Amino acid sequence: MKTYSAKQGDIQKDWVLIDAEGVVLGRLAAIVATRLRGKHKPGYTPHMDMGDNVIVINADKVQVTGAKRDQKIHYRHTGYPGGIKQRTTREILEGDHPERLVMQAVKRMLPGGRLSRRQMTHLRVYAGAEHPHEAQQPIAVDLAAMNKKNTRSA
């Protein structure tokens, strides 16, 4: 018996729509990372880019558990000496680009390397409910129905 290894022609990429409203950030990132890598498919091959194209909407309404909204600090660096900046999760979610919080969480759930950087290009995150990908006819995935722990009230 031979081990199955997917070829480029065998890969079927779907479009998936995920609504992040009320969903816990870490659980959302874990499910999105699994979809991006293609680990939910029976013919998963680790060295191939066989994941789906994922659209996340309502990223500004994502939930965090505990006191992380006010106590967790996110750091970034400008590249200049002494240029470290810090913001809380609340400041990021109420700022101009709340989708960056979801993008960074998903990026950190993927292994580092060229393949993961390529898989991240298949992720589209939008702060509001509108997205320009209606022509792709994405399949809606309801994370709230998967597990009751996936959602949290505000």
N, C-alpha and C. Protein backbone atom coordinates (compact mmCIF):
# COMPACT_ATOMS: atom_id res chain seq x y z
N MET A 1 0.83 -1.17 0.00
CA MET A 1 0.00 0.00 0.00
C MET A 1 0.88 1.24 0.00
N LYS A 2 0.56 2.23 -0.85
CA LYS A 2 1.34 3.45 -0.95
C LYS A 2 0.68 4.59 -0.18
N THR A 3 1.49 5.49 0.32
CA THR A 3 0.99 6.68 0.99
C THR A 3 0.51 7.67 -0.06
N TYR A 4 -0.68 8.23 0.15
CA TYR A 4 -1.25 9.19 -0.79
C TYR A 4 -0.55 10.53 -0.65
N SER A 5 -0.18 11.12 -1.76
CA SER A 5 0.39 12.46 -1.79
C SER A 5 -0.34 13.24 -2.87
N ALA A 6 -0.94 14.35 -2.51
CA ALA A 6 -1.73 15.13 -3.44
C ALA A 6 -0.85 15.79 -4.49
N LYS A 7 -1.36 15.85 -5.70
CA LYS A 7 -0.69 16.56 -6.80
C LYS A 7 -1.37 17.91 -6.97
N GLN A 8 -0.75 18.79 -7.71
CA GLN A 8 -1.29 20.13 -7.91
C GLN A 8 -2.66 20.08 -8.60
N GLY A 9 -2.85 19.16 -9.51
CA GLY A 9 -4.11 19.04 -10.22
C GLY A 9 -5.23 18.45 -9.37
N ASP A 10 -4.90 17.76 -8.29
CA ASP A 10 -5.91 17.14 -7.42
C ASP A 10 -6.52 18.12 -6.41
N ILE A 11 -5.91 19.28 -6.25
CA ILE A 11 -6.30 20.20 -5.19
C ILE A 11 -7.55 20.98 -5.58
N GLN A 12 -8.56 20.94 -4.72
CA GLN A 12 -9.81 21.67 -4.91
C GLN A 12 -9.90 22.74 -3.83
N LYS A 13 -9.83 24.02 -4.21
CA LYS A 13 -9.91 25.11 -3.24
C LYS A 13 -11.31 25.69 -3.23
N ASP A 14 -11.91 25.75 -2.04
CA ASP A 14 -13.23 26.32 -1.88
C ASP A 14 -13.11 27.71 -1.26
N TRP A 15 -14.19 28.47 -1.31
CA TRP A 15 -14.28 29.77 -0.65
C TRP A 15 -15.18 29.60 0.56
N VAL A 16 -14.71 30.05 1.71
CA VAL A 16 -15.42 29.88 2.97
C VAL A 16 -15.63 31.25 3.60
N LEU A 17 -16.84 31.51 4.10
CA LEU A 17 -17.18 32.76 4.77
C LEU A 17 -17.42 32.48 6.25
N ILE A 18 -16.70 33.20 7.11
CA ILE A 18 -16.83 33.03 8.56
C ILE A 18 -17.20 34.38 9.17
N ASP A 19 -18.28 34.38 9.95
CA ASP A 19 -18.71 35.58 10.66
C ASP A 19 -18.10 35.54 12.06
N ALA A 20 -17.28 36.55 12.38
CA ALA A 20 -16.56 36.56 13.65
C ALA A 20 -17.32 37.25 14.78
N GLU A 21 -18.55 37.64 14.54
CA GLU A 21 -19.31 38.37 15.57
C GLU A 21 -19.59 37.46 16.77
N GLY A 22 -19.07 37.84 17.94
CA GLY A 22 -19.30 37.10 19.16
C GLY A 22 -18.43 35.86 19.33
N VAL A 23 -17.53 35.59 18.41
CA VAL A 23 -16.68 34.40 18.47
C VAL A 23 -15.39 34.73 19.21
N VAL A 24 -14.93 33.80 20.02
CA VAL A 24 -13.69 33.99 20.78
C VAL A 24 -12.50 33.99 19.81
N LEU A 25 -11.60 34.95 19.98
CA LEU A 25 -10.51 35.18 19.04
C LEU A 25 -9.62 33.96 18.83
N GLY A 26 -9.19 33.31 19.90
CA GLY A 26 -8.29 32.17 19.77
C GLY A 26 -8.92 30.99 19.06
N ARG A 27 -10.18 30.72 19.34
CA ARG A 27 -10.88 29.62 18.68
C ARG A 27 -11.11 29.95 17.21
N LEU A 28 -11.42 31.19 16.91
CA LEU A 28 -11.57 31.62 15.53
C LEU A 28 -10.26 31.43 14.76
N ALA A 29 -9.16 31.86 15.35
CA ALA A 29 -7.86 31.76 14.69
C ALA A 29 -7.46 30.31 14.46
N ALA A 30 -7.75 29.43 15.41
CA ALA A 30 -7.40 28.02 15.26
C ALA A 30 -8.19 27.37 14.12
N ILE A 31 -9.47 27.69 14.01
CA ILE A 31 -10.29 27.11 12.95
C ILE A 31 -9.89 27.66 11.59
N VAL A 32 -9.61 28.96 11.52
CA VAL A 32 -9.19 29.57 10.26
C VAL A 32 -7.84 29.01 9.83
N ALA A 33 -6.91 28.83 10.75
CA ALA A 33 -5.60 28.28 10.41
C ALA A 33 -5.72 26.85 9.88
N THR A 34 -6.61 26.07 10.47
CA THR A 34 -6.84 24.71 9.99
C THR A 34 -7.39 24.72 8.57
N ARG A 35 -8.32 25.63 8.30
CA ARG A 35 -8.89 25.75 6.96
C ARG A 35 -7.86 26.21 5.94
N LEU A 36 -7.00 27.16 6.34
CA LEU A 36 -5.98 27.67 5.43
C LEU A 36 -4.96 26.60 5.05
N ARG A 37 -4.61 25.76 5.99
CA ARG A 37 -3.64 24.70 5.72
C ARG A 37 -4.24 23.53 4.96
N GLY A 38 -5.55 23.32 5.11
CA GLY A 38 -6.20 22.21 4.44
C GLY A 38 -6.25 20.95 5.28
N LYS A 39 -6.04 21.08 6.57
CA LYS A 39 -6.02 19.90 7.45
C LYS A 39 -7.40 19.30 7.66
N HIS A 40 -8.45 20.00 7.27
CA HIS A 40 -9.80 19.48 7.39
C HIS A 40 -10.16 18.54 6.24
N LYS A 41 -9.30 18.45 5.23
CA LYS A 41 -9.57 17.61 4.07
C LYS A 41 -8.96 16.23 4.26
N PRO A 42 -9.61 15.18 3.75
CA PRO A 42 -9.09 13.83 3.96
C PRO A 42 -7.78 13.56 3.22
N GLY A 43 -7.51 14.27 2.13
CA GLY A 43 -6.28 14.06 1.38
C GLY A 43 -5.20 15.06 1.72
N TYR A 44 -5.15 15.51 2.97
CA TYR A 44 -4.19 16.54 3.39
C TYR A 44 -2.76 16.09 3.14
N THR A 45 -2.01 16.95 2.49
CA THR A 45 -0.58 16.73 2.25
C THR A 45 0.17 17.92 2.83
N PRO A 46 1.08 17.70 3.79
CA PRO A 46 1.69 18.82 4.52
C PRO A 46 2.50 19.80 3.67
N HIS A 47 3.11 19.34 2.57
CA HIS A 47 3.98 20.22 1.80
C HIS A 47 3.28 20.92 0.65
N MET A 48 1.95 20.73 0.53
CA MET A 48 1.20 21.35 -0.56
C MET A 48 0.26 22.43 -0.01
N ASP A 49 0.02 23.46 -0.82
CA ASP A 49 -0.92 24.50 -0.45
C ASP A 49 -2.30 24.06 -0.92
N MET A 50 -3.02 23.35 -0.05
CA MET A 50 -4.31 22.80 -0.45
C MET A 50 -5.47 23.32 0.40
N GLY A 51 -5.23 24.39 1.14
CA GLY A 51 -6.28 24.94 1.99
C GLY A 51 -7.27 25.77 1.20
N ASP A 52 -8.32 26.20 1.89
CA ASP A 52 -9.38 26.98 1.26
C ASP A 52 -9.05 28.47 1.33
N ASN A 53 -9.79 29.25 0.54
CA ASN A 53 -9.76 30.70 0.63
C ASN A 53 -10.77 31.09 1.70
N VAL A 54 -10.33 31.80 2.72
CA VAL A 54 -11.17 32.11 3.88
C VAL A 54 -11.44 33.60 3.93
N ILE A 55 -12.72 33.96 4.09
CA ILE A 55 -13.15 35.34 4.26
C ILE A 55 -13.71 35.47 5.68
N VAL A 56 -13.17 36.39 6.46
CA VAL A 56 -13.66 36.64 7.82
C VAL A 56 -14.28 38.03 7.84
N ILE A 57 -15.55 38.10 8.23
CA ILE A 57 -16.23 39.39 8.33
C ILE A 57 -16.53 39.70 9.80
N ASN A 58 -16.83 40.95 10.08
CA ASN A 58 -17.12 41.44 11.43
C ASN A 58 -15.95 41.19 12.39
N ALA A 59 -14.74 41.45 11.94
CA ALA A 59 -13.57 41.24 12.78
C ALA A 59 -13.53 42.22 13.95
N ASP A 60 -14.23 43.34 13.83
CA ASP A 60 -14.24 44.30 14.93
C ASP A 60 -15.15 43.86 16.08
N LYS A 61 -15.96 42.81 15.88
CA LYS A 61 -16.87 42.33 16.91
C LYS A 61 -16.40 41.01 17.52
N VAL A 62 -15.14 40.68 17.36
CA VAL A 62 -14.59 39.46 17.92
C VAL A 62 -14.48 39.62 19.44
N GLN A 63 -14.60 38.51 20.18
CA GLN A 63 -14.56 38.55 21.64
C GLN A 63 -13.24 37.97 22.15
N VAL A 64 -12.83 38.44 23.30
CA VAL A 64 -11.69 37.85 24.01
C VAL A 64 -12.17 37.50 25.41
N THR A 65 -11.60 36.46 26.00
CA THR A 65 -12.06 35.99 27.30
C THR A 65 -11.27 36.66 28.42
N GLY A 66 -11.84 36.63 29.59
CA GLY A 66 -11.17 37.17 30.77
C GLY A 66 -10.98 38.67 30.67
N ALA A 67 -9.86 39.14 31.19
CA ALA A 67 -9.55 40.58 31.19
C ALA A 67 -8.57 40.94 30.09
N LYS A 68 -8.47 40.08 29.06
CA LYS A 68 -7.49 40.32 28.00
C LYS A 68 -7.77 41.61 27.23
N ARG A 69 -9.01 42.01 27.16
CA ARG A 69 -9.35 43.20 26.38
C ARG A 69 -8.62 44.43 26.92
N ASP A 70 -8.44 44.52 28.24
CA ASP A 70 -7.77 45.68 28.83
C ASP A 70 -6.36 45.39 29.31
N GLN A 71 -6.02 44.13 29.57
CA GLN A 71 -4.72 43.83 30.15
C GLN A 71 -3.68 43.31 29.16
N LYS A 72 -4.11 42.67 28.08
CA LYS A 72 -3.14 42.13 27.12
C LYS A 72 -2.55 43.27 26.30
N ILE A 73 -1.23 43.29 26.23
CA ILE A 73 -0.53 44.36 25.52
C ILE A 73 0.11 43.78 24.26
N HIS A 74 -0.11 44.45 23.14
CA HIS A 74 0.47 44.06 21.85
C HIS A 74 1.58 45.05 21.51
N TYR A 75 2.75 44.51 21.20
CA TYR A 75 3.91 45.34 20.91
C TYR A 75 4.20 45.35 19.41
N ARG A 76 4.74 46.47 18.93
CA ARG A 76 5.26 46.55 17.58
C ARG A 76 6.46 47.48 17.62
N HIS A 77 7.28 47.42 16.59
CA HIS A 77 8.49 48.23 16.58
C HIS A 77 8.56 49.00 15.28
N THR A 78 8.92 50.27 15.34
CA THR A 78 8.96 51.11 14.16
C THR A 78 10.19 50.84 13.30
N GLY A 79 11.21 50.24 13.89
CA GLY A 79 12.45 50.00 13.17
C GLY A 79 13.55 50.98 13.57
N TYR A 80 13.19 51.99 14.33
CA TYR A 80 14.16 52.96 14.80
C TYR A 80 14.56 52.65 16.24
N PRO A 81 15.73 53.08 16.68
CA PRO A 81 16.14 52.84 18.07
C PRO A 81 15.14 53.46 19.05
N GLY A 82 14.72 52.67 20.02
CA GLY A 82 13.75 53.13 20.99
C GLY A 82 12.35 53.25 20.43
N GLY A 83 12.08 52.60 19.32
CA GLY A 83 10.80 52.77 18.64
C GLY A 83 9.77 51.71 18.95
N ILE A 84 9.81 51.14 20.16
CA ILE A 84 8.82 50.12 20.50
C ILE A 84 7.52 50.81 20.91
N LYS A 85 6.42 50.31 20.38
CA LYS A 85 5.10 50.87 20.66
C LYS A 85 4.23 49.78 21.28
N GLN A 86 3.29 50.16 22.09
CA GLN A 86 2.41 49.18 22.72
C GLN A 86 0.98 49.69 22.72
N ARG A 87 0.04 48.75 22.55
CA ARG A 87 -1.39 49.05 22.60
C ARG A 87 -2.10 47.86 23.21
N THR A 88 -3.22 48.13 23.87
CA THR A 88 -4.02 47.05 24.42
C THR A 88 -4.95 46.51 23.33
N THR A 89 -5.55 45.37 23.62
CA THR A 89 -6.48 44.76 22.67
C THR A 89 -7.67 45.68 22.43
N ARG A 90 -8.15 46.34 23.45
CA ARG A 90 -9.28 47.27 23.30
C ARG A 90 -8.92 48.41 22.34
N GLU A 91 -7.72 48.96 22.46
CA GLU A 91 -7.30 50.06 21.58
C GLU A 91 -7.21 49.61 20.13
N ILE A 92 -6.79 48.37 19.90
CA ILE A 92 -6.71 47.86 18.53
C ILE A 92 -8.11 47.64 17.96
N LEU A 93 -9.01 47.04 18.75
CA LEU A 93 -10.36 46.76 18.27
C LEU A 93 -11.16 48.03 18.02
N GLU A 94 -10.90 49.08 18.78
CA GLU A 94 -11.61 50.34 18.60
C GLU A 94 -10.88 51.28 17.65
N GLY A 95 -9.72 50.87 17.15
CA GLY A 95 -8.94 51.71 16.24
C GLY A 95 -9.38 51.58 14.79
N ASP A 96 -8.51 52.02 13.89
CA ASP A 96 -8.82 52.05 12.47
C ASP A 96 -8.74 50.69 11.80
N HIS A 97 -7.92 49.77 12.31
CA HIS A 97 -7.69 48.49 11.65
C HIS A 97 -7.86 47.32 12.63
N PRO A 98 -9.09 47.02 13.06
CA PRO A 98 -9.28 45.90 13.99
C PRO A 98 -9.03 44.54 13.34
N GLU A 99 -9.03 44.49 12.02
CA GLU A 99 -8.79 43.21 11.34
C GLU A 99 -7.35 42.72 11.53
N ARG A 100 -6.45 43.60 11.88
CA ARG A 100 -5.05 43.20 12.09
C ARG A 100 -4.90 42.27 13.29
N LEU A 101 -5.79 42.37 14.26
CA LEU A 101 -5.75 41.49 15.42
C LEU A 101 -6.04 40.05 15.01
N VAL A 102 -7.02 39.86 14.14
CA VAL A 102 -7.36 38.52 13.65
C VAL A 102 -6.25 38.00 12.75
N MET A 103 -5.72 38.85 11.88
CA MET A 103 -4.65 38.44 10.97
C MET A 103 -3.42 37.95 11.76
N GLN A 104 -3.05 38.69 12.80
CA GLN A 104 -1.88 38.32 13.58
C GLN A 104 -2.12 37.03 14.36
N ALA A 105 -3.33 36.84 14.87
CA ALA A 105 -3.64 35.61 15.61
C ALA A 105 -3.57 34.39 14.70
N VAL A 106 -4.09 34.51 13.48
CA VAL A 106 -4.04 33.40 12.53
C VAL A 106 -2.60 33.14 12.09
N LYS A 107 -1.86 34.20 11.85
CA LYS A 107 -0.46 34.06 11.41
C LYS A 107 0.37 33.31 12.46
N ARG A 108 0.10 33.57 13.72
CA ARG A 108 0.85 32.91 14.79
C ARG A 108 0.41 31.47 15.01
N MET A 109 -0.74 31.06 14.46
CA MET A 109 -1.19 29.67 14.55
C MET A 109 -0.59 28.81 13.44
N LEU A 110 -0.01 29.44 12.43
CA LEU A 110 0.60 28.71 11.31
C LEU A 110 2.08 28.53 11.57
N PRO A 111 2.68 27.44 11.06
CA PRO A 111 4.12 27.30 11.21
C PRO A 111 4.85 28.32 10.34
N GLY A 112 6.02 28.73 10.75
CA GLY A 112 6.77 29.71 9.97
C GLY A 112 7.35 29.09 8.71
N GLY A 113 7.51 29.89 7.69
CA GLY A 113 8.11 29.39 6.46
C GLY A 113 7.43 29.92 5.22
N ARG A 114 7.96 29.53 4.06
CA ARG A 114 7.45 30.03 2.79
C ARG A 114 6.02 29.58 2.53
N LEU A 115 5.72 28.33 2.86
CA LEU A 115 4.39 27.81 2.61
C LEU A 115 3.33 28.54 3.44
N SER A 116 3.65 28.84 4.68
CA SER A 116 2.69 29.55 5.53
C SER A 116 2.47 30.97 5.05
N ARG A 117 3.51 31.61 4.57
CA ARG A 117 3.34 32.97 4.03
C ARG A 117 2.46 32.94 2.79
N ARG A 118 2.58 31.91 1.99
CA ARG A 118 1.73 31.76 0.81
C ARG A 118 0.28 31.46 1.21
N GLN A 119 0.09 30.65 2.24
CA GLN A 119 -1.25 30.33 2.70
C GLN A 119 -1.94 31.54 3.32
N MET A 120 -1.18 32.44 3.92
CA MET A 120 -1.77 33.65 4.50
C MET A 120 -2.35 34.57 3.43
N THR A 121 -1.90 34.45 2.18
CA THR A 121 -2.45 35.29 1.11
C THR A 121 -3.86 34.86 0.75
N HIS A 122 -4.30 33.68 1.21
CA HIS A 122 -5.65 33.20 0.94
C HIS A 122 -6.64 33.61 2.03
N LEU A 123 -6.19 34.44 2.96
CA LEU A 123 -7.05 34.92 4.05
C LEU A 123 -7.41 36.37 3.78
N ARG A 124 -8.71 36.66 3.84
CA ARG A 124 -9.20 38.03 3.70
C ARG A 124 -10.03 38.35 4.93
N VAL A 125 -9.67 39.43 5.63
CA VAL A 125 -10.35 39.81 6.87
C VAL A 125 -10.91 41.21 6.69
N TYR A 126 -12.19 41.38 7.05
CA TYR A 126 -12.86 42.67 6.93
C TYR A 126 -13.48 43.03 8.26
N ALA A 127 -13.38 44.32 8.63
CA ALA A 127 -13.90 44.79 9.91
C ALA A 127 -15.43 44.80 9.92
N GLY A 128 -16.05 45.11 8.81
CA GLY A 128 -17.51 45.19 8.75
C GLY A 128 -18.13 43.93 8.18
N ALA A 129 -19.42 44.03 7.86
CA ALA A 129 -20.16 42.87 7.35
C ALA A 129 -20.08 42.75 5.83
N GLU A 130 -19.60 43.77 5.13
CA GLU A 130 -19.54 43.73 3.67
C GLU A 130 -18.18 43.20 3.22
N HIS A 131 -18.22 42.47 2.10
CA HIS A 131 -16.98 41.99 1.48
C HIS A 131 -17.18 41.94 -0.03
N PRO A 132 -16.11 42.11 -0.82
CA PRO A 132 -16.25 42.14 -2.28
C PRO A 132 -16.12 40.78 -2.95
N HIS A 133 -16.41 39.69 -2.27
CA HIS A 133 -16.19 38.36 -2.83
C HIS A 133 -17.49 37.58 -3.04
N GLU A 134 -18.58 38.28 -3.32
CA GLU A 134 -19.86 37.61 -3.55
C GLU A 134 -19.81 36.75 -4.82
N ALA A 135 -19.02 37.15 -5.80
CA ALA A 135 -18.96 36.41 -7.07
C ALA A 135 -18.38 35.01 -6.89
N GLN A 136 -17.58 34.79 -5.84
CA GLN A 136 -16.99 33.48 -5.58
C GLN A 136 -17.96 32.53 -4.89
N GLN A 137 -19.13 33.02 -4.49
CA GLN A 137 -20.15 32.23 -3.81
C GLN A 137 -19.58 31.45 -2.63
N PRO A 138 -19.10 32.17 -1.60
CA PRO A 138 -18.50 31.47 -0.46
C PRO A 138 -19.52 30.67 0.34
N ILE A 139 -19.05 29.58 0.92
CA ILE A 139 -19.88 28.73 1.77
C ILE A 139 -19.77 29.27 3.20
N ALA A 140 -20.90 29.56 3.82
CA ALA A 140 -20.90 30.10 5.17
C ALA A 140 -20.67 28.98 6.19
N VAL A 141 -19.75 29.22 7.12
CA VAL A 141 -19.46 28.28 8.20
C VAL A 141 -19.88 28.94 9.50
N ASP A 142 -20.76 28.27 10.26
CA ASP A 142 -21.26 28.82 11.51
C ASP A 142 -20.45 28.27 12.67
N LEU A 143 -19.54 29.10 13.18
CA LEU A 143 -18.67 28.65 14.28
C LEU A 143 -19.45 28.54 15.59
N ALA A 144 -20.50 29.32 15.75
CA ALA A 144 -21.28 29.27 16.98
C ALA A 144 -21.98 27.93 17.13
N ALA A 145 -22.38 27.32 16.03
CA ALA A 145 -23.08 26.04 16.09
C ALA A 145 -22.11 24.86 16.28
N MET A 146 -20.84 25.05 15.99
CA MET A 146 -19.86 23.96 16.14
C MET A 146 -19.68 23.56 17.59
N ASN A 147 -19.51 24.57 18.45
CA ASN A 147 -19.25 24.31 19.86
C ASN A 147 -19.72 25.52 20.65
N LYS A 148 -20.36 25.30 21.79
CA LYS A 148 -20.86 26.43 22.56
C LYS A 148 -19.74 27.28 23.16
N LYS A 149 -18.53 26.72 23.27
CA LYS A 149 -17.40 27.48 23.80
C LYS A 149 -16.83 28.46 22.79
N ASN A 150 -17.24 28.33 21.52
CA ASN A 150 -16.72 29.24 20.49
C ASN A 150 -17.25 30.65 20.62
N THR A 151 -18.38 30.83 21.31
CA THR A 151 -18.96 32.16 21.44
C THR A 151 -18.90 32.64 22.88
N ARG A 152 -18.95 33.93 23.02
CA ARG A 152 -18.92 34.56 24.33
C ARG A 152 -19.77 35.81 24.23
N SER A 153 -20.51 36.14 25.23
CA SER A 153 -21.29 37.37 25.20
C SER A 153 -20.38 38.55 25.50
N ALA A 154 -20.77 39.71 25.05
CA ALA A 154 -19.93 40.91 25.19
C ALA A 154 -19.74 41.34 26.61
